[in-house]
Amino acid sequence: MLKVPQGFTDLLPEKAEVFYFVKEKLISLFQSHGFLPLVTPSIELIDTFKISGEDETNTFNFIDHVEAKTACFRYDFTPQVARVIANQKLSLPVKLCYDGVVLRNPKKLSGENREIYQAGVEIIGDDTFLADLELVILANSVFKTAGISDYKIFLSDVGILKSLFYEKNSYMQISEELKQAFIEKNVSAINKLAARTNLPEEKQEFLTELPLLCGDIKMIAELERRCKIQQLKPFFKKLKNIAILAEQMGVDVEFDLGEVRGFEYHSGLILDCYAADSLKNYHEVITGGRYDNLLQCYLGENVAATGFAVDLLKLSLTVSYNKPVKLLVLFSDVDRSIEAFKTAQQLRKQGFTAILMQKDKYDDIVKSKCFDYIVTIDNHTVKIVDIKRNLESIVENLNADFVNKFLKDMIK
């Protein structure tokens, strides 16, 4: 049996159907919010990603014999968006959306896919908190549009952790060990590593408290009131204001202030969203946030930017998908094939999925029981079979009222 590499998978029709449903819904949603579609190539010269600080060893790279340079498969959409804006000199601010595959090749496989299907949005050139608020509201709409009711939207700000290491107009380097401890939510390791820093005692104490600071707007308001570290108060105030405004739009948000993934990449608000599948397992489906410093690498100047990416495959695992009614339209001889084509066309106009096939070809398909109804067009009669209810109905001819009769008699 032929195998695919680790971290890659086939999407068989049952899952692929849900995947495409989710993908089409999201792209339509993004465009309805004024995000302009952008299609970028699946291949880039490696420099596009190296400029943004990506580790070349994590990409799927190769030598492009035409350019005689190292190229790679798309690792991330945001650097491509930055390249497009720099090369095409698009007027800012601009809102862009995209979808496609990214390939990532980590040194250690953790069970995660190396091929990730994404759809996402970017707001470039807007430095106001209203752009952050728009992303929060749009993330909520992603779940609503996909018909998901059990989900959580978490906010944080990378500036909270960074500010703890800013002392006397100089920035102290945060160790890789400490970053990893935060990623793993390893409270014990954070306590030990915090004690090794040269931070003032009150900052060390807050550092050890940070991974446990998960809660709602009341928690943020309490932090804003009691925290003695003055440089943190603006972050709490901004997060609280976004939560208040989001609530007015019917969006509930929570906070996880110990979230530090994308520490170097992000410059402000961090957005992290989860959705539950039928077994109540939560999947991280939306990640993003503000990255005001990244575009300087491409444009030569600081340009405000924020955005998020949706993991389409993970999102599709959490969708309660109602399949469209499927009909198999069979015809017994070529003489009635045009009638069969027209009947299938009528049914599709009513929103059904109608599959057309010659009668002597259908045995295996019918046995699969993947249809709701079978319409068989023989020489003199038309038989309709309701598979689920095991009911049959006979009509003598296919006149203009057939579809209306079908809707009335068979689908109640």
Foldseek 3Di string as FASTA:
>chain_A
DDDDDQQDDDQPPVLVVLLVVLVVLLVVLLVVVPAAEDDDDQKAFCVLVVLLPDDPVFFAWDQDPVVRGIMTGAADCVSVVLQCCLVVVDDPFHKHKYWDWHATHDPDDDRHHRIFTKIKMKGWFDPDCVVVLVQLLSVVVSCVSLVFDAKAKAKAWLVLVQVQQQDPNDGDDDDPQLVVCLVVVVLVSLLVVLVPDPGPPLSSVVSSCQQVQKFFLVSLVVCLPPPPPVVCNVLSVSVSVSQVVVVVVVGGHIYRHSDCPCSVQAHTMWIWMWGAAPVRDIDTFKTWFWRQQSSCSSNVDGMTMIMMMGRSSRSSRRGPDDDAAEEEEEEADPVCVVVSVVVCVVVVVVPHHYHYDYPVVCPVVVVVVPHQWYWYHYDFWIWIAGVVVRDIDIDGDDDPCVVVCCCVPPPD
